[in-house]
Amino acid sequence: MPIAAVSPGVSLAHQTFGDPGDPPVLLVMGFGAQMIAWHEDFCRALADRGRYVIRYDNRDCGLSTKFDEHPVDMAAFIAAVTSGDIPAALGMIPYRLQDMADDGLGLLTALGIERAHVVGASMGGMIAQTMALSAPDRVLTLTSMMSSTGESEYGQAAPEAQAVLFTPKPADREGYVAAAEKELVWASRRYGDPAALRELAAASYDRAYYPAGIGRQLGAMILSGSRADALRALRVPTLVVHGLDDTLIAPSGGERTAELVPDARLLLVPDMGHDRPRELWPVLIDALAAHTG
């Protein structure tokens, strides 16, 4: 697995698909998920549409750099945030979404790519938005998928989805894989596939089981705040994709993103939750191919 240094102290594991001479598409994954959550078959199908596809592990995830020297006491962090002690909360988290966005841009630089189409899912959508806001000259197009704007009143999780997200998974492999089925709470109601969830969980566990990074990524999201004002001034061509079945980030998150970004196109996908079921890949790949054309 190639690993590229993207800044002093940070290296990212990554994988590419397709012809390097084709337009590059950078896929940015979400909270706690490794790059393999962008299924290899999905990446190859997009590459077959004439795109040079790049997927990678965010920092603190998969095979990329870990920040073990900054352990996070999640109970203390949440207590600081809920009590309004933001200075204390800021001191607990070593990076923000901007740092994660800089990682993605640094990977493009390491690969010799000046400009790319950037596609982000969930937290990856937040990172992709931040990339477009901070370096619009390097982002050909933005696709924000199943994501939101950082405003707390939009994209709120259903209580049952939030409960699953914040419940620690078992540390043993068997328990970890079995617990993946609980993610059906935010999956497509029509196409939700427990076998596929278990398969991804098993592959992720075997590749790089690393729960310690989750707290730091969560803190980066919480402390990065709203992007609403900046999104109003964004001039990068933007596609917003959201599943109507999404209970982890409600469709209002996508609707709000499209409302704020000038001339953004909004694609609300029936029968899609906070997932990308194989049955809907033709819809998603057609949309990405058209937007990145």
C-alpha atoms as a PDB file:
ATOM      1  CA  MET A   1       0.000   0.000   0.000  1.00  0.00           C
ATOM      2  CA  PRO A   2       1.615   3.320  -1.033  1.00  0.00           C
ATOM      3  CA  ILE A   3       2.140   5.816   1.794  1.00  0.00           C
ATOM      4  CA  ALA A   4       2.947   9.451   1.006  1.00  0.00           C
ATOM      5  CA  ALA A   5       4.333  12.146   3.303  1.00  0.00           C
ATOM      6  CA  VAL A   6       1.904  15.069   3.005  1.00  0.00           C
ATOM      7  CA  SER A   7       3.326  17.388   5.678  1.00  0.00           C
ATOM      8  CA  PRO A   8       5.936  17.180   8.444  1.00  0.00           C
ATOM      9  CA  GLY A   9       4.835  14.315  10.661  1.00  0.00           C
ATOM     10  CA  VAL A  10       1.833  13.200   8.603  1.00  0.00           C
ATOM     11  CA  SER A  11       1.767  10.437   5.997  1.00  0.00           C
ATOM     12  CA  LEU A  12      -1.311   9.036   4.263  1.00  0.00           C
ATOM     13  CA  ALA A  13      -1.941   5.552   2.926  1.00  0.00           C
ATOM     14  CA  HIS A  14      -3.651   5.733  -0.446  1.00  0.00           C
ATOM     15  CA  GLN A  15      -4.590   3.790  -3.558  1.00  0.00           C
ATOM     16  CA  THR A  16      -5.308   4.842  -7.127  1.00  0.00           C
ATOM     17  CA  PHE A  17      -7.488   3.421  -9.895  1.00  0.00           C
ATOM     18  CA  GLY A  18      -7.455   4.187 -13.599  1.00  0.00           C
ATOM     19  CA  ASP A  19      -5.272   6.178 -15.946  1.00  0.00           C
ATOM     20  CA  PRO A  20      -3.220   9.010 -14.364  1.00  0.00           C
ATOM     21  CA  GLY A  21      -3.862  10.967 -17.552  1.00  0.00           C
ATOM     22  CA  ASP A  22      -7.601  11.118 -16.820  1.00  0.00           C
ATOM     23  CA  PRO A  23      -9.204  13.838 -14.661  1.00  0.00           C
ATOM     24  CA  PRO A  24      -8.335  13.105 -11.007  1.00  0.00           C
ATOM     25  CA  VAL A  25     -11.094  12.455  -8.474  1.00  0.00           C
ATOM     26  CA  LEU A  26     -10.108  12.465  -4.786  1.00  0.00           C
ATOM     27  CA  LEU A  27     -12.441  10.425  -2.551  1.00  0.00           C
ATOM     28  CA  VAL A  28     -12.499  11.573   1.089  1.00  0.00           C
ATOM     29  CA  MET A  29     -13.895   9.150   3.646  1.00  0.00           C
ATOM     30  CA  GLY A  30     -15.881   9.926   6.788  1.00  0.00           C
ATOM     31  CA  PHE A  31     -15.688   9.637  10.556  1.00  0.00           C
ATOM     32  CA  GLY A  32     -13.727   6.635  11.785  1.00  0.00           C
ATOM     33  CA  ALA A  33     -13.923   4.864   8.418  1.00  0.00           C
ATOM     34  CA  GLN A  34     -10.978   3.588   6.414  1.00  0.00           C
ATOM     35  CA  MET A  35     -10.580   4.229   2.719  1.00  0.00           C
ATOM     36  CA  ILE A  36     -11.852   0.723   1.978  1.00  0.00           C
ATOM     37  CA  ALA A  37     -15.328   2.023   2.813  1.00  0.00           C
ATOM     38  CA  TRP A  38     -15.070   3.452  -0.716  1.00  0.00           C
ATOM     39  CA  HIS A  39     -15.601  -0.016  -2.150  1.00  0.00           C
ATOM     40  CA  GLU A  40     -12.956  -1.118  -4.650  1.00  0.00           C
ATOM     41  CA  ASP A  41     -15.644  -2.009  -7.188  1.00  0.00           C
ATOM     42  CA  PHE A  42     -17.154   1.477  -6.834  1.00  0.00           C
ATOM     43  CA  CYS A  43     -13.744   3.052  -7.431  1.00  0.00           C
ATOM     44  CA  ARG A  44     -13.109   0.884 -10.484  1.00  0.00           C
ATOM     45  CA  ALA A  45     -16.544   1.653 -11.918  1.00  0.00           C
ATOM     46  CA  LEU A  46     -15.832   5.380 -11.621  1.00  0.00           C
ATOM     47  CA  ALA A  47     -12.379   4.881 -13.145  1.00  0.00           C
ATOM     48  CA  ASP A  48     -14.029   3.042 -16.044  1.00  0.00           C
ATOM     49  CA  ARG A  49     -15.908   6.278 -16.741  1.00  0.00           C
ATOM     50  CA  GLY A  50     -12.594   7.986 -17.513  1.00  0.00           C
ATOM     51  CA  ARG A  51     -11.545   9.232 -14.101  1.00  0.00           C
ATOM     52  CA  TYR A  52      -8.291   8.783 -12.175  1.00  0.00           C
ATOM     53  CA  VAL A  53      -9.661   7.806  -8.774  1.00  0.00           C
ATOM     54  CA  ILE A  54      -7.733   8.269  -5.523  1.00  0.00           C
ATOM     55  CA  ARG A  55      -8.903   6.970  -2.154  1.00  0.00           C
ATOM     56  CA  TYR A  56      -6.978   7.386   1.091  1.00  0.00           C
ATOM     57  CA  ASP A  57      -7.035   6.896   4.858  1.00  0.00           C
ATOM     58  CA  ASN A  58      -7.540  10.075   6.851  1.00  0.00           C
ATOM     59  CA  ARG A  59      -5.101  10.776   9.642  1.00  0.00           C
ATOM     60  CA  ASP A  60      -5.808   8.737  12.788  1.00  0.00           C
ATOM     61  CA  CYS A  61      -7.389   5.980  10.710  1.00  0.00           C
ATOM     62  CA  GLY A  62      -6.374   2.931   8.715  1.00  0.00           C
ATOM     63  CA  LEU A  63      -2.692   2.869   7.796  1.00  0.00           C
ATOM     64  CA  SER A  64      -2.113   6.636   7.953  1.00  0.00           C
ATOM     65  CA  THR A  65      -0.343   8.558  10.714  1.00  0.00           C
ATOM     66  CA  LYS A  66      -1.749   8.102  14.241  1.00  0.00           C
ATOM     67  CA  PHE A  67      -1.656  10.775  16.941  1.00  0.00           C
ATOM     68  CA  ASP A  68      -1.034   8.453  19.872  1.00  0.00           C
ATOM     69  CA  GLU A  69       0.814  11.185  21.740  1.00  0.00           C
ATOM     70  CA  HIS A  70      -2.503  13.029  22.156  1.00  0.00           C
ATOM     71  CA  PRO A  71      -4.858  10.677  24.020  1.00  0.00           C
ATOM     72  CA  VAL A  72      -8.376  12.069  24.440  1.00  0.00           C
ATOM     73  CA  ASP A  73     -10.555  11.512  27.496  1.00  0.00           C
ATOM     74  CA  MET A  74     -13.911  11.602  25.732  1.00  0.00           C
ATOM     75  CA  ALA A  75     -15.906  12.033  28.934  1.00  0.00           C
ATOM     76  CA  ALA A  76     -13.824  15.069  29.871  1.00  0.00           C
ATOM     77  CA  PHE A  77     -14.024  16.454  26.343  1.00  0.00           C
ATOM     78  CA  ILE A  78     -17.800  16.145  26.130  1.00  0.00           C
ATOM     79  CA  ALA A  79     -18.149  17.658  29.613  1.00  0.00           C
ATOM     80  CA  ALA A  80     -16.033  20.634  28.541  1.00  0.00           C
ATOM     81  CA  VAL A  81     -18.066  21.170  25.356  1.00  0.00           C
ATOM     82  CA  THR A  82     -21.458  20.847  27.046  1.00  0.00           C
ATOM     83  CA  SER A  83     -20.434  23.190  29.864  1.00  0.00           C
ATOM     84  CA  GLY A  84     -19.178  25.786  27.398  1.00  0.00           C
ATOM     85  CA  ASP A  85     -15.540  25.499  28.449  1.00  0.00           C
ATOM     86  CA  ILE A  86     -14.319  25.747  24.870  1.00  0.00           C
ATOM     87  CA  PRO A  87     -10.703  26.685  25.749  1.00  0.00           C
ATOM     88  CA  ALA A  88     -10.408  23.434  27.712  1.00  0.00           C
ATOM     89  CA  ALA A  89     -11.974  21.461  24.855  1.00  0.00           C
ATOM     90  CA  LEU A  90      -9.649  23.072  22.309  1.00  0.00           C
ATOM     91  CA  GLY A  91      -6.667  22.033  24.395  1.00  0.00           C
ATOM     92  CA  MET A  92      -7.654  18.369  24.229  1.00  0.00           C
ATOM     93  CA  ILE A  93      -7.822  17.984  20.441  1.00  0.00           C
ATOM     94  CA  PRO A  94      -4.582  18.279  18.428  1.00  0.00           C
ATOM     95  CA  TYR A  95      -6.094  19.134  15.024  1.00  0.00           C
ATOM     96  CA  ARG A  96      -9.160  20.468  13.201  1.00  0.00           C
ATOM     97  CA  LEU A  97     -10.941  19.763   9.932  1.00  0.00           C
ATOM     98  CA  GLN A  98      -8.651  22.308   8.273  1.00  0.00           C
ATOM     99  CA  ASP A  99      -5.656  20.123   9.110  1.00  0.00           C
ATOM    100  CA  MET A 100      -7.438  17.124   7.608  1.00  0.00           C
ATOM    101  CA  ALA A 101      -8.258  19.178   4.520  1.00  0.00           C
ATOM    102  CA  ASP A 102      -4.594  20.170   4.259  1.00  0.00           C
ATOM    103  CA  ASP A 103      -3.744  16.452   4.378  1.00  0.00           C
ATOM    104  CA  GLY A 104      -5.880  15.807   1.295  1.00  0.00           C
ATOM    105  CA  LEU A 105      -4.351  18.731  -0.544  1.00  0.00           C
ATOM    106  CA  GLY A 106      -0.902  17.534   0.497  1.00  0.00           C
ATOM    107  CA  LEU A 107      -1.642  14.112  -0.946  1.00  0.00           C
ATOM    108  CA  LEU A 108      -2.538  15.696  -4.283  1.00  0.00           C
ATOM    109  CA  THR A 109       0.766  17.574  -4.187  1.00  0.00           C
ATOM    110  CA  ALA A 110       2.670  14.388  -3.366  1.00  0.00           C
ATOM    111  CA  LEU A 111       1.037  12.710  -6.347  1.00  0.00           C
ATOM    112  CA  GLY A 112       1.960  15.594  -8.637  1.00  0.00           C
ATOM    113  CA  ILE A 113      -1.656  16.715  -9.074  1.00  0.00           C
ATOM    114  CA  GLU A 114      -2.298  20.448  -9.151  1.00  0.00           C
ATOM    115  CA  ARG A 115      -6.119  20.366  -9.288  1.00  0.00           C
ATOM    116  CA  ALA A 116      -8.675  17.636  -8.680  1.00  0.00           C
ATOM    117  CA  HIS A 117     -12.361  16.926  -8.371  1.00  0.00           C
ATOM    118  CA  VAL A 118     -12.999  16.355  -4.655  1.00  0.00           C
ATOM    119  CA  VAL A 119     -15.740  14.049  -3.375  1.00  0.00           C
ATOM    120  CA  GLY A 120     -16.360  13.687   0.355  1.00  0.00           C
ATOM    121  CA  ALA A 121     -18.842  11.537   2.292  1.00  0.00           C
ATOM    122  CA  SER A 122     -20.148  12.394   5.778  1.00  0.00           C
ATOM    123  CA  MET A 123     -17.193  13.865   7.728  1.00  0.00           C
ATOM    124  CA  GLY A 124     -15.366  13.533   4.423  1.00  0.00           C
ATOM    125  CA  GLY A 125     -17.901  15.965   2.971  1.00  0.00           C
ATOM    126  CA  MET A 126     -16.973  18.443   5.689  1.00  0.00           C
ATOM    127  CA  ILE A 127     -13.295  17.946   4.874  1.00  0.00           C
ATOM    128  CA  ALA A 128     -13.996  18.322   1.144  1.00  0.00           C
ATOM    129  CA  GLN A 129     -15.951  21.537   1.777  1.00  0.00           C
ATOM    130  CA  THR A 130     -13.010  22.841   3.808  1.00  0.00           C
ATOM    131  CA  MET A 131     -10.610  21.977   0.986  1.00  0.00           C
ATOM    132  CA  ALA A 132     -12.741  23.925  -1.496  1.00  0.00           C
ATOM    133  CA  LEU A 133     -13.052  26.878   0.875  1.00  0.00           C
ATOM    134  CA  SER A 134      -9.379  27.103   1.748  1.00  0.00           C
ATOM    135  CA  ALA A 135      -7.897  26.232  -1.672  1.00  0.00           C
ATOM    136  CA  PRO A 136     -10.526  26.859  -4.368  1.00  0.00           C
ATOM    137  CA  ASP A 137      -7.795  27.095  -6.988  1.00  0.00           C
ATOM    138  CA  ARG A 138      -7.011  23.409  -6.430  1.00  0.00           C
ATOM    139  CA  VAL A 139     -10.565  22.042  -6.430  1.00  0.00           C
ATOM    140  CA  LEU A 140     -12.073  21.628  -9.889  1.00  0.00           C
ATOM    141  CA  THR A 141     -15.447  20.574  -8.502  1.00  0.00           C
ATOM    142  CA  LEU A 142     -16.813  19.719  -5.069  1.00  0.00           C
ATOM    143  CA  THR A 143     -19.217  16.885  -4.284  1.00  0.00           C
ATOM    144  CA  SER A 144     -20.543  16.891  -0.723  1.00  0.00           C
ATOM    145  CA  MET A 145     -22.272  13.600  -0.001  1.00  0.00           C
ATOM    146  CA  MET A 146     -24.424  12.790   3.081  1.00  0.00           C
ATOM    147  CA  SER A 147     -22.831  15.725   4.910  1.00  0.00           C
ATOM    148  CA  SER A 148     -23.710  19.104   6.425  1.00  0.00           C
ATOM    149  CA  THR A 149     -22.511  22.638   7.099  1.00  0.00           C
ATOM    150  CA  GLY A 150     -21.397  22.489  10.719  1.00  0.00           C
ATOM    151  CA  GLU A 151     -24.548  24.293  11.874  1.00  0.00           C
ATOM    152  CA  SER A 152     -26.072  22.338  14.746  1.00  0.00           C
ATOM    153  CA  GLU A 153     -29.669  22.940  13.670  1.00  0.00           C
ATOM    154  CA  TYR A 154     -29.233  21.105  10.348  1.00  0.00           C
ATOM    155  CA  GLY A 155     -28.532  17.448   9.624  1.00  0.00           C
ATOM    156  CA  GLN A 156     -29.355  16.328  13.142  1.00  0.00           C
ATOM    157  CA  ALA A 157     -29.023  12.622  13.870  1.00  0.00           C
ATOM    158  CA  ALA A 158     -32.008  10.597  15.005  1.00  0.00           C
ATOM    159  CA  PRO A 159     -31.573   9.555  18.668  1.00  0.00           C
ATOM    160  CA  GLU A 160     -31.309   5.865  17.789  1.00  0.00           C
ATOM    161  CA  ALA A 161     -28.633   6.540  15.159  1.00  0.00           C
ATOM    162  CA  GLN A 162     -26.683   8.767  17.501  1.00  0.00           C
ATOM    163  CA  ALA A 163     -26.817   6.079  20.181  1.00  0.00           C
ATOM    164  CA  VAL A 164     -25.254   3.522  17.835  1.00  0.00           C
ATOM    165  CA  LEU A 165     -22.594   5.979  16.649  1.00  0.00           C
ATOM    166  CA  PHE A 166     -21.421   6.775  20.177  1.00  0.00           C
ATOM    167  CA  THR A 167     -21.609   3.258  21.627  1.00  0.00           C
ATOM    168  CA  PRO A 168     -18.088   1.786  21.746  1.00  0.00           C
ATOM    169  CA  LYS A 169     -17.735  -1.352  19.668  1.00  0.00           C
ATOM    170  CA  PRO A 170     -16.413  -4.584  21.185  1.00  0.00           C
ATOM    171  CA  ALA A 171     -12.652  -4.941  21.069  1.00  0.00           C
ATOM    172  CA  ASP A 172     -12.659  -8.578  19.988  1.00  0.00           C
ATOM    173  CA  ARG A 173     -12.979  -9.363  16.292  1.00  0.00           C
ATOM    174  CA  GLU A 174     -16.120 -11.477  16.547  1.00  0.00           C
ATOM    175  CA  GLY A 175     -17.947  -8.877  18.632  1.00  0.00           C
ATOM    176  CA  TYR A 176     -16.755  -6.022  16.434  1.00  0.00           C
ATOM    177  CA  VAL A 177     -18.030  -7.691  13.271  1.00  0.00           C
ATOM    178  CA  ALA A 178     -21.368  -8.628  14.839  1.00  0.00           C
ATOM    179  CA  ALA A 179     -21.885  -5.070  16.123  1.00  0.00           C
ATOM    180  CA  ALA A 180     -21.670  -3.733  12.570  1.00  0.00           C
ATOM    181  CA  GLU A 181     -25.239  -4.867  11.965  1.00  0.00           C
ATOM    182  CA  LYS A 182     -26.422  -2.133  14.315  1.00  0.00           C
ATOM    183  CA  GLU A 183     -25.483   0.333  11.573  1.00  0.00           C
ATOM    184  CA  LEU A 184     -28.606  -0.771   9.734  1.00  0.00           C
ATOM    185  CA  VAL A 185     -30.282   1.956  11.809  1.00  0.00           C
ATOM    186  CA  TRP A 186     -28.929   4.552   9.362  1.00  0.00           C
ATOM    187  CA  ALA A 187     -28.690   2.414   6.215  1.00  0.00           C
ATOM    188  CA  SER A 188     -31.089   2.317   3.293  1.00  0.00           C
ATOM    189  CA  ARG A 189     -34.364   0.815   4.465  1.00  0.00           C
ATOM    190  CA  ARG A 190     -34.774  -0.935   1.123  1.00  0.00           C
ATOM    191  CA  TYR A 191     -31.221  -2.015   0.391  1.00  0.00           C
ATOM    192  CA  GLY A 192     -29.639  -2.272   3.834  1.00  0.00           C
ATOM    193  CA  ASP A 193     -27.349  -5.312   3.773  1.00  0.00           C
ATOM    194  CA  PRO A 194     -26.169  -6.811   7.086  1.00  0.00           C
ATOM    195  CA  ALA A 195     -23.793  -9.176   5.277  1.00  0.00           C
ATOM    196  CA  ALA A 196     -22.079  -6.248   3.537  1.00  0.00           C
ATOM    197  CA  LEU A 197     -21.773  -4.406   6.871  1.00  0.00           C
ATOM    198  CA  ARG A 198     -20.170  -7.442   8.480  1.00  0.00           C
ATOM    199  CA  GLU A 199     -17.834  -7.903   5.520  1.00  0.00           C
ATOM    200  CA  LEU A 200     -16.594  -4.295   5.718  1.00  0.00           C
ATOM    201  CA  ALA A 201     -16.225  -4.511   9.497  1.00  0.00           C
ATOM    202  CA  ALA A 202     -14.149  -7.687   9.222  1.00  0.00           C
ATOM    203  CA  ALA A 203     -11.910  -6.182   6.533  1.00  0.00           C
ATOM    204  CA  SER A 204     -11.489  -2.978   8.537  1.00  0.00           C
ATOM    205  CA  TYR A 205     -10.664  -4.846  11.750  1.00  0.00           C
ATOM    206  CA  ASP A 206      -8.083  -7.023  10.043  1.00  0.00           C
ATOM    207  CA  ARG A 207      -6.516  -4.143   8.160  1.00  0.00           C
ATOM    208  CA  ALA A 208      -6.152  -1.625  10.987  1.00  0.00           C
ATOM    209  CA  TYR A 209      -8.242  -1.830  14.158  1.00  0.00           C
ATOM    210  CA  TYR A 210      -7.672   1.552  15.804  1.00  0.00           C
ATOM    211  CA  PRO A 211     -10.476   2.943  17.996  1.00  0.00           C
ATOM    212  CA  ALA A 212      -8.222   5.548  19.640  1.00  0.00           C
ATOM    213  CA  GLY A 213      -8.412   7.863  16.632  1.00  0.00           C
ATOM    214  CA  ILE A 214     -12.197   8.212  16.773  1.00  0.00           C
ATOM    215  CA  GLY A 215     -12.193  10.683  19.655  1.00  0.00           C
ATOM    216  CA  ARG A 216      -9.738  13.013  17.962  1.00  0.00           C
ATOM    217  CA  GLN A 217     -11.667  12.972  14.685  1.00  0.00           C
ATOM    218  CA  LEU A 218     -14.912  13.648  16.555  1.00  0.00           C
ATOM    219  CA  GLY A 219     -13.299  16.551  18.373  1.00  0.00           C
ATOM    220  CA  ALA A 220     -12.034  17.977  15.101  1.00  0.00           C
ATOM    221  CA  MET A 221     -15.585  17.984  13.736  1.00  0.00           C
ATOM    222  CA  ILE A 222     -17.147  19.524  16.822  1.00  0.00           C
ATOM    223  CA  LEU A 223     -14.552  22.233  17.298  1.00  0.00           C
ATOM    224  CA  SER A 224     -14.314  23.309  13.657  1.00  0.00           C
ATOM    225  CA  GLY A 225     -17.670  25.050  13.882  1.00  0.00           C
ATOM    226  CA  SER A 226     -19.986  26.315  11.174  1.00  0.00           C
ATOM    227  CA  ARG A 227     -18.934  26.816   7.567  1.00  0.00           C
ATOM    228  CA  ALA A 228     -22.173  28.615   6.652  1.00  0.00           C
ATOM    229  CA  ASP A 229     -20.787  32.096   6.013  1.00  0.00           C
ATOM    230  CA  ALA A 230     -17.848  30.768   4.013  1.00  0.00           C
ATOM    231  CA  LEU A 231     -20.065  28.469   1.935  1.00  0.00           C
ATOM    232  CA  ARG A 232     -22.166  31.460   0.850  1.00  0.00           C
ATOM    233  CA  ALA A 233     -19.078  32.821  -0.914  1.00  0.00           C
ATOM    234  CA  LEU A 234     -17.881  29.534  -2.452  1.00  0.00           C
ATOM    235  CA  ARG A 235     -17.518  29.661  -6.224  1.00  0.00           C
ATOM    236  CA  VAL A 236     -16.460  26.068  -6.889  1.00  0.00           C
ATOM    237  CA  PRO A 237     -19.005  24.068  -8.934  1.00  0.00           C
ATOM    238  CA  THR A 238     -20.791  21.995  -6.319  1.00  0.00           C
ATOM    239  CA  LEU A 239     -22.961  18.889  -6.283  1.00  0.00           C
ATOM    240  CA  VAL A 240     -24.711  17.944  -3.043  1.00  0.00           C
ATOM    241  CA  VAL A 241     -25.888  14.333  -2.705  1.00  0.00           C
ATOM    242  CA  HIS A 242     -28.035  13.099   0.164  1.00  0.00           C
ATOM    243  CA  GLY A 243     -30.080   9.983   0.806  1.00  0.00           C
ATOM    244  CA  LEU A 244     -33.665  10.479   1.863  1.00  0.00           C
ATOM    245  CA  ASP A 245     -33.352   7.532   4.288  1.00  0.00           C
ATOM    246  CA  ASP A 246     -30.366   9.056   6.118  1.00  0.00           C
ATOM    247  CA  THR A 247     -30.943   9.101   9.883  1.00  0.00           C
ATOM    248  CA  LEU A 248     -27.340   9.791  10.912  1.00  0.00           C
ATOM    249  CA  ILE A 249     -27.098  13.128   9.086  1.00  0.00           C
ATOM    250  CA  ALA A 250     -30.637  14.107   8.201  1.00  0.00           C
ATOM    251  CA  PRO A 251     -31.345  15.303   4.629  1.00  0.00           C
ATOM    252  CA  SER A 252     -31.665  18.854   5.964  1.00  0.00           C
ATOM    253  CA  GLY A 253     -27.847  18.834   6.160  1.00  0.00           C
ATOM    254  CA  GLY A 254     -27.566  18.375   2.426  1.00  0.00           C
ATOM    255  CA  GLU A 255     -30.439  20.703   1.660  1.00  0.00           C
ATOM    256  CA  ARG A 256     -28.825  23.435   3.751  1.00  0.00           C
ATOM    257  CA  THR A 257     -25.463  22.926   2.016  1.00  0.00           C
ATOM    258  CA  ALA A 258     -27.070  23.301  -1.410  1.00  0.00           C
ATOM    259  CA  GLU A 259     -29.028  26.338  -0.218  1.00  0.00           C
ATOM    260  CA  LEU A 260     -25.862  28.125   0.880  1.00  0.00           C
ATOM    261  CA  VAL A 261     -23.475  27.364  -1.982  1.00  0.00           C
ATOM    262  CA  PRO A 262     -24.252  29.552  -5.012  1.00  0.00           C
ATOM    263  CA  ASP A 263     -25.579  27.540  -7.968  1.00  0.00           C
ATOM    264  CA  ALA A 264     -25.122  24.210  -6.184  1.00  0.00           C
ATOM    265  CA  ARG A 265     -27.021  21.243  -7.565  1.00  0.00           C
ATOM    266  CA  LEU A 266     -28.922  19.114  -5.040  1.00  0.00           C
ATOM    267  CA  LEU A 267     -29.492  15.396  -5.681  1.00  0.00           C
ATOM    268  CA  LEU A 268     -31.782  13.768  -3.117  1.00  0.00           C
ATOM    269  CA  VAL A 269     -31.638  10.004  -3.603  1.00  0.00           C
ATOM    270  CA  PRO A 270     -34.645   7.845  -2.683  1.00  0.00           C
ATOM    271  CA  ASP A 271     -33.864   4.575  -0.882  1.00  0.00           C
ATOM    272  CA  MET A 272     -30.386   5.748   0.153  1.00  0.00           C
ATOM    273  CA  GLY A 273     -29.441   6.098   3.788  1.00  0.00           C
ATOM    274  CA  HIS A 274     -26.080   6.979   5.312  1.00  0.00           C
ATOM    275  CA  ASP A 275     -24.556   4.433   2.975  1.00  0.00           C
ATOM    276  CA  ARG A 276     -23.912   3.730  -0.669  1.00  0.00           C
ATOM    277  CA  PRO A 277     -25.811   0.509  -1.437  1.00  0.00           C
ATOM    278  CA  ARG A 278     -24.559  -1.298  -4.506  1.00  0.00           C
ATOM    279  CA  GLU A 279     -28.005  -1.067  -6.075  1.00  0.00           C
ATOM    280  CA  LEU A 280     -27.638   2.741  -6.203  1.00  0.00           C
ATOM    281  CA  TRP A 281     -24.098   2.851  -7.563  1.00  0.00           C
ATOM    282  CA  PRO A 282     -25.331   3.534 -11.128  1.00  0.00           C
ATOM    283  CA  VAL A 283     -27.170   6.639  -9.882  1.00  0.00           C
ATOM    284  CA  LEU A 284     -24.175   7.881  -7.895  1.00  0.00           C
ATOM    285  CA  ILE A 285     -21.567   7.109 -10.550  1.00  0.00           C
ATOM    286  CA  ASP A 286     -23.653   8.722 -13.290  1.00  0.00           C
ATOM    287  CA  ALA A 287     -23.998  11.843 -11.113  1.00  0.00           C
ATOM    288  CA  LEU A 288     -20.268  11.958 -10.326  1.00  0.00           C
ATOM    289  CA  ALA A 289     -19.263  11.342 -13.938  1.00  0.00           C
ATOM    290  CA  ALA A 290     -21.544  14.144 -15.130  1.00  0.00           C
ATOM    291  CA  HIS A 291     -20.437  16.584 -12.430  1.00  0.00           C
ATOM    292  CA  THR A 292     -16.725  15.922 -12.914  1.00  0.00           C
ATOM    293  CA  GLY A 293     -17.007  15.999 -16.736  1.00  0.00           C
END
